[in-house]
Amino acid sequence: MTETGELTYRRVHTASRELLFECMTTPDHLTHFWGPAGTTTPIDGIVVDLRPGGAFETTMVGADGTAYTMRATYVEIRRPERLVWIESDVEGGMRTTITFVDVGDGRTEVVTHQTNVPEAYLSAEARAGFATSLDRFDVYIAGLTADNEH
């Protein structure tokens, strides 16, 4: 058994919980930001069956054409506060909990908490890659909210 750990990422977005929840659960949105910088996630590789026990799958494609598929099962959905899924393919079943917290002034803090995180995902390089996917989400959300202001 390899060591597992926990990771927590926090970001504050100028957007409602409802919009952020919608972006995290809709293929038309996910295709624009899912995955680290340098990857794409084609919409035909995204499955969202938004119910407890439903599938959540994404296939990211790297710059070299290599495909990386993430397969998870939703275990909790509380719109617009919380999303929880488990990746049973990852040893020990990595659990991701995303909490959307209204912090006022039209801003929402998104807290991503992962448990049973395999050693490979705990490296500085892997964490930096995950951070770039959060950066992509920041940019995407900023673009959406800017569009709504015009």
C-alpha atoms as a PDB file:
ATOM      1  CA  MET A   1       0.000   0.000   0.000  1.00  0.00           C
ATOM      2  CA  THR A   2       1.440   3.351  -0.972  1.00  0.00           C
ATOM      3  CA  GLU A   3       1.124   6.408   1.219  1.00  0.00           C
ATOM      4  CA  THR A   4      -1.887   8.619   0.619  1.00  0.00           C
ATOM      5  CA  GLY A   5      -2.493  12.132   1.748  1.00  0.00           C
ATOM      6  CA  GLU A   6      -4.835  15.093   1.612  1.00  0.00           C
ATOM      7  CA  LEU A   7      -4.809  18.234  -0.494  1.00  0.00           C
ATOM      8  CA  THR A   8      -6.854  21.396  -0.176  1.00  0.00           C
ATOM      9  CA  TYR A   9      -7.059  24.156  -2.770  1.00  0.00           C
ATOM     10  CA  ARG A  10      -8.960  27.419  -2.222  1.00  0.00           C
ATOM     11  CA  ARG A  11      -9.925  30.036  -4.791  1.00  0.00           C
ATOM     12  CA  VAL A  12     -12.255  33.022  -4.579  1.00  0.00           C
ATOM     13  CA  HIS A  13     -14.191  33.886  -7.747  1.00  0.00           C
ATOM     14  CA  THR A  14     -16.339  36.911  -8.510  1.00  0.00           C
ATOM     15  CA  ALA A  15     -19.349  34.802  -9.415  1.00  0.00           C
ATOM     16  CA  SER A  16     -22.359  33.225  -7.735  1.00  0.00           C
ATOM     17  CA  ARG A  17     -22.321  29.746  -6.231  1.00  0.00           C
ATOM     18  CA  GLU A  18     -25.007  28.810  -8.749  1.00  0.00           C
ATOM     19  CA  LEU A  19     -22.848  29.782 -11.740  1.00  0.00           C
ATOM     20  CA  LEU A  20     -19.757  28.039 -10.378  1.00  0.00           C
ATOM     21  CA  PHE A  21     -21.722  24.884  -9.566  1.00  0.00           C
ATOM     22  CA  GLU A  22     -23.219  24.954 -13.069  1.00  0.00           C
ATOM     23  CA  CYS A  23     -19.738  25.291 -14.627  1.00  0.00           C
ATOM     24  CA  MET A  24     -18.423  22.307 -12.632  1.00  0.00           C
ATOM     25  CA  THR A  25     -21.340  20.071 -13.663  1.00  0.00           C
ATOM     26  CA  THR A  26     -22.032  20.932 -17.321  1.00  0.00           C
ATOM     27  CA  PRO A  27     -19.978  19.460 -20.186  1.00  0.00           C
ATOM     28  CA  ASP A  28     -20.462  22.652 -22.273  1.00  0.00           C
ATOM     29  CA  HIS A  29     -18.568  24.525 -19.539  1.00  0.00           C
ATOM     30  CA  LEU A  30     -16.128  21.793 -18.411  1.00  0.00           C
ATOM     31  CA  THR A  31     -14.675  21.415 -21.919  1.00  0.00           C
ATOM     32  CA  HIS A  32     -13.298  24.979 -21.661  1.00  0.00           C
ATOM     33  CA  PHE A  33     -11.210  24.613 -18.500  1.00  0.00           C
ATOM     34  CA  TRP A  34     -10.966  21.034 -17.222  1.00  0.00           C
ATOM     35  CA  GLY A  35      -7.386  19.819 -16.859  1.00  0.00           C
ATOM     36  CA  PRO A  36      -3.968  21.359 -16.426  1.00  0.00           C
ATOM     37  CA  ALA A  37      -2.425  23.880 -18.821  1.00  0.00           C
ATOM     38  CA  GLY A  38      -1.382  22.208 -22.062  1.00  0.00           C
ATOM     39  CA  THR A  39      -4.293  19.752 -22.088  1.00  0.00           C
ATOM     40  CA  THR A  40      -7.681  19.853 -23.760  1.00  0.00           C
ATOM     41  CA  THR A  41     -10.828  18.026 -22.689  1.00  0.00           C
ATOM     42  CA  PRO A  42     -13.041  17.451 -25.737  1.00  0.00           C
ATOM     43  CA  ILE A  43     -16.755  17.628 -24.956  1.00  0.00           C
ATOM     44  CA  ASP A  44     -17.359  14.145 -26.396  1.00  0.00           C
ATOM     45  CA  GLY A  45     -15.054  12.787 -23.657  1.00  0.00           C
ATOM     46  CA  ILE A  46     -17.085  14.255 -20.787  1.00  0.00           C
ATOM     47  CA  VAL A  47     -19.832  12.322 -18.990  1.00  0.00           C
ATOM     48  CA  VAL A  48     -21.885  14.016 -16.262  1.00  0.00           C
ATOM     49  CA  ASP A  49     -24.704  11.950 -14.746  1.00  0.00           C
ATOM     50  CA  LEU A  50     -25.479  14.402 -11.955  1.00  0.00           C
ATOM     51  CA  ARG A  51     -27.012  12.181  -9.267  1.00  0.00           C
ATOM     52  CA  PRO A  52     -25.632  10.118  -6.388  1.00  0.00           C
ATOM     53  CA  GLY A  53     -24.245   6.967  -7.998  1.00  0.00           C
ATOM     54  CA  GLY A  54     -23.988   8.729 -11.368  1.00  0.00           C
ATOM     55  CA  ALA A  55     -20.856   8.756 -13.493  1.00  0.00           C
ATOM     56  CA  PHE A  56     -18.478  11.698 -13.847  1.00  0.00           C
ATOM     57  CA  GLU A  57     -15.833  11.052 -16.496  1.00  0.00           C
ATOM     58  CA  THR A  58     -13.420  13.263 -18.382  1.00  0.00           C
ATOM     59  CA  THR A  59     -10.792  12.439 -20.974  1.00  0.00           C
ATOM     60  CA  MET A  60      -7.996  15.010 -21.116  1.00  0.00           C
ATOM     61  CA  VAL A  61      -5.696  15.023 -24.124  1.00  0.00           C
ATOM     62  CA  GLY A  62      -2.098  16.158 -23.678  1.00  0.00           C
ATOM     63  CA  ALA A  63      -0.112  18.210 -26.190  1.00  0.00           C
ATOM     64  CA  ASP A  64       1.476  14.955 -27.448  1.00  0.00           C
ATOM     65  CA  GLY A  65      -1.955  13.386 -28.033  1.00  0.00           C
ATOM     66  CA  THR A  66      -1.867  11.111 -24.976  1.00  0.00           C
ATOM     67  CA  ALA A  67      -5.328  10.665 -23.437  1.00  0.00           C
ATOM     68  CA  TYR A  68      -5.866  10.619 -19.673  1.00  0.00           C
ATOM     69  CA  THR A  69      -9.275   9.421 -18.510  1.00  0.00           C
ATOM     70  CA  MET A  70     -10.657  10.206 -15.076  1.00  0.00           C
ATOM     71  CA  ARG A  71     -13.566   8.004 -13.990  1.00  0.00           C
ATOM     72  CA  ALA A  72     -15.500   8.917 -10.888  1.00  0.00           C
ATOM     73  CA  THR A  73     -18.853   8.335  -9.247  1.00  0.00           C
ATOM     74  CA  TYR A  74     -20.829  11.123  -7.644  1.00  0.00           C
ATOM     75  CA  VAL A  75     -21.602  10.374  -3.998  1.00  0.00           C
ATOM     76  CA  GLU A  76     -23.165  13.682  -2.911  1.00  0.00           C
ATOM     77  CA  ILE A  77     -24.769  16.556  -4.808  1.00  0.00           C
ATOM     78  CA  ARG A  78     -26.141  19.558  -2.938  1.00  0.00           C
ATOM     79  CA  ARG A  79     -26.763  22.342  -5.436  1.00  0.00           C
ATOM     80  CA  PRO A  80     -25.214  24.928  -5.129  1.00  0.00           C
ATOM     81  CA  GLU A  81     -23.173  24.153  -1.981  1.00  0.00           C
ATOM     82  CA  ARG A  82     -21.356  20.879  -2.492  1.00  0.00           C
ATOM     83  CA  LEU A  83     -20.185  18.230  -4.942  1.00  0.00           C
ATOM     84  CA  VAL A  84     -18.475  14.995  -3.918  1.00  0.00           C
ATOM     85  CA  TRP A  85     -17.092  12.259  -6.142  1.00  0.00           C
ATOM     86  CA  ILE A  86     -14.851   9.228  -5.717  1.00  0.00           C
ATOM     87  CA  GLU A  87     -12.356   7.969  -8.296  1.00  0.00           C
ATOM     88  CA  SER A  88     -12.417   4.252  -7.602  1.00  0.00           C
ATOM     89  CA  ASP A  89      -9.771   3.587 -10.313  1.00  0.00           C
ATOM     90  CA  VAL A  90      -7.260   5.466  -8.159  1.00  0.00           C
ATOM     91  CA  GLU A  91      -5.811   3.181  -5.489  1.00  0.00           C
ATOM     92  CA  GLY A  92      -7.796   3.550  -2.273  1.00  0.00           C
ATOM     93  CA  GLY A  93     -10.541   5.548  -3.992  1.00  0.00           C
ATOM     94  CA  MET A  94      -9.535   9.201  -4.119  1.00  0.00           C
ATOM     95  CA  ARG A  95     -12.368  11.391  -2.829  1.00  0.00           C
ATOM     96  CA  THR A  96     -12.864  14.968  -4.051  1.00  0.00           C
ATOM     97  CA  THR A  97     -15.182  17.343  -2.206  1.00  0.00           C
ATOM     98  CA  ILE A  98     -15.881  20.747  -3.721  1.00  0.00           C
ATOM     99  CA  THR A  99     -17.591  23.274  -1.475  1.00  0.00           C
ATOM    100  CA  PHE A 100     -18.985  26.557  -2.799  1.00  0.00           C
ATOM    101  CA  VAL A 101     -19.055  29.207  -0.038  1.00  0.00           C
ATOM    102  CA  ASP A 102     -20.779  32.561  -0.527  1.00  0.00           C
ATOM    103  CA  VAL A 103     -18.349  35.123   0.913  1.00  0.00           C
ATOM    104  CA  GLY A 104     -20.467  38.169   0.033  1.00  0.00           C
ATOM    105  CA  ASP A 105     -20.010  40.980  -2.498  1.00  0.00           C
ATOM    106  CA  GLY A 106     -20.966  38.570  -5.314  1.00  0.00           C
ATOM    107  CA  ARG A 107     -17.930  36.408  -4.560  1.00  0.00           C
ATOM    108  CA  THR A 108     -17.724  32.685  -3.903  1.00  0.00           C
ATOM    109  CA  GLU A 109     -14.887  30.703  -2.393  1.00  0.00           C
ATOM    110  CA  VAL A 110     -14.425  27.310  -4.017  1.00  0.00           C
ATOM    111  CA  VAL A 111     -12.702  24.835  -1.712  1.00  0.00           C
ATOM    112  CA  THR A 112     -11.447  21.616  -3.304  1.00  0.00           C
ATOM    113  CA  HIS A 113     -10.545  19.025  -0.672  1.00  0.00           C
ATOM    114  CA  GLN A 114      -9.122  15.664  -1.717  1.00  0.00           C
ATOM    115  CA  THR A 115      -8.531  12.638   0.501  1.00  0.00           C
ATOM    116  CA  ASN A 116      -6.916   9.260  -0.241  1.00  0.00           C
ATOM    117  CA  VAL A 117      -4.641  11.153  -2.632  1.00  0.00           C
ATOM    118  CA  PRO A 118      -1.955   8.815  -4.054  1.00  0.00           C
ATOM    119  CA  GLU A 119       1.684   9.718  -3.575  1.00  0.00           C
ATOM    120  CA  ALA A 120       2.138  10.551  -7.274  1.00  0.00           C
ATOM    121  CA  TYR A 121      -0.535  13.275  -7.027  1.00  0.00           C
ATOM    122  CA  LEU A 122       1.102  14.795  -3.937  1.00  0.00           C
ATOM    123  CA  SER A 123       4.324  15.831  -5.700  1.00  0.00           C
ATOM    124  CA  ALA A 124       5.051  19.521  -6.164  1.00  0.00           C
ATOM    125  CA  GLU A 125       4.825  19.004  -9.942  1.00  0.00           C
ATOM    126  CA  ALA A 126       1.392  17.363  -9.736  1.00  0.00           C
ATOM    127  CA  ARG A 127       0.111  20.061  -7.366  1.00  0.00           C
ATOM    128  CA  ALA A 128       1.436  22.772  -9.703  1.00  0.00           C
ATOM    129  CA  GLY A 129      -0.383  21.094 -12.613  1.00  0.00           C
ATOM    130  CA  PHE A 130      -3.614  21.048 -10.621  1.00  0.00           C
ATOM    131  CA  ALA A 131      -3.117  24.726  -9.789  1.00  0.00           C
ATOM    132  CA  THR A 132      -2.917  25.514 -13.534  1.00  0.00           C
ATOM    133  CA  SER A 133      -6.331  23.868 -13.982  1.00  0.00           C
ATOM    134  CA  LEU A 134      -7.664  26.190 -11.255  1.00  0.00           C
ATOM    135  CA  ASP A 135      -6.060  29.111 -13.127  1.00  0.00           C
ATOM    136  CA  ARG A 136      -7.887  28.028 -16.284  1.00  0.00           C
ATOM    137  CA  PHE A 137     -11.155  27.957 -14.301  1.00  0.00           C
ATOM    138  CA  ASP A 138     -10.400  31.492 -12.993  1.00  0.00           C
ATOM    139  CA  VAL A 139      -9.908  32.793 -16.535  1.00  0.00           C
ATOM    140  CA  TYR A 140     -13.007  31.023 -17.842  1.00  0.00           C
ATOM    141  CA  ILE A 141     -15.218  32.351 -15.027  1.00  0.00           C
ATOM    142  CA  ALA A 142     -13.829  35.882 -15.457  1.00  0.00           C
ATOM    143  CA  GLY A 143     -14.725  35.697 -19.148  1.00  0.00           C
ATOM    144  CA  LEU A 144     -18.256  34.485 -18.414  1.00  0.00           C
ATOM    145  CA  THR A 145     -18.940  37.164 -15.806  1.00  0.00           C
ATOM    146  CA  ALA A 146     -17.445  39.878 -18.035  1.00  0.00           C
ATOM    147  CA  ASP A 147     -19.766  38.756 -20.865  1.00  0.00           C
ATOM    148  CA  ASN A 148     -22.762  39.080 -18.532  1.00  0.00           C
ATOM    149  CA  GLU A 149     -21.856  42.668 -17.656  1.00  0.00           C
ATOM    150  CA  HIS A 150     -22.103  43.878 -21.272  1.00  0.00           C
END
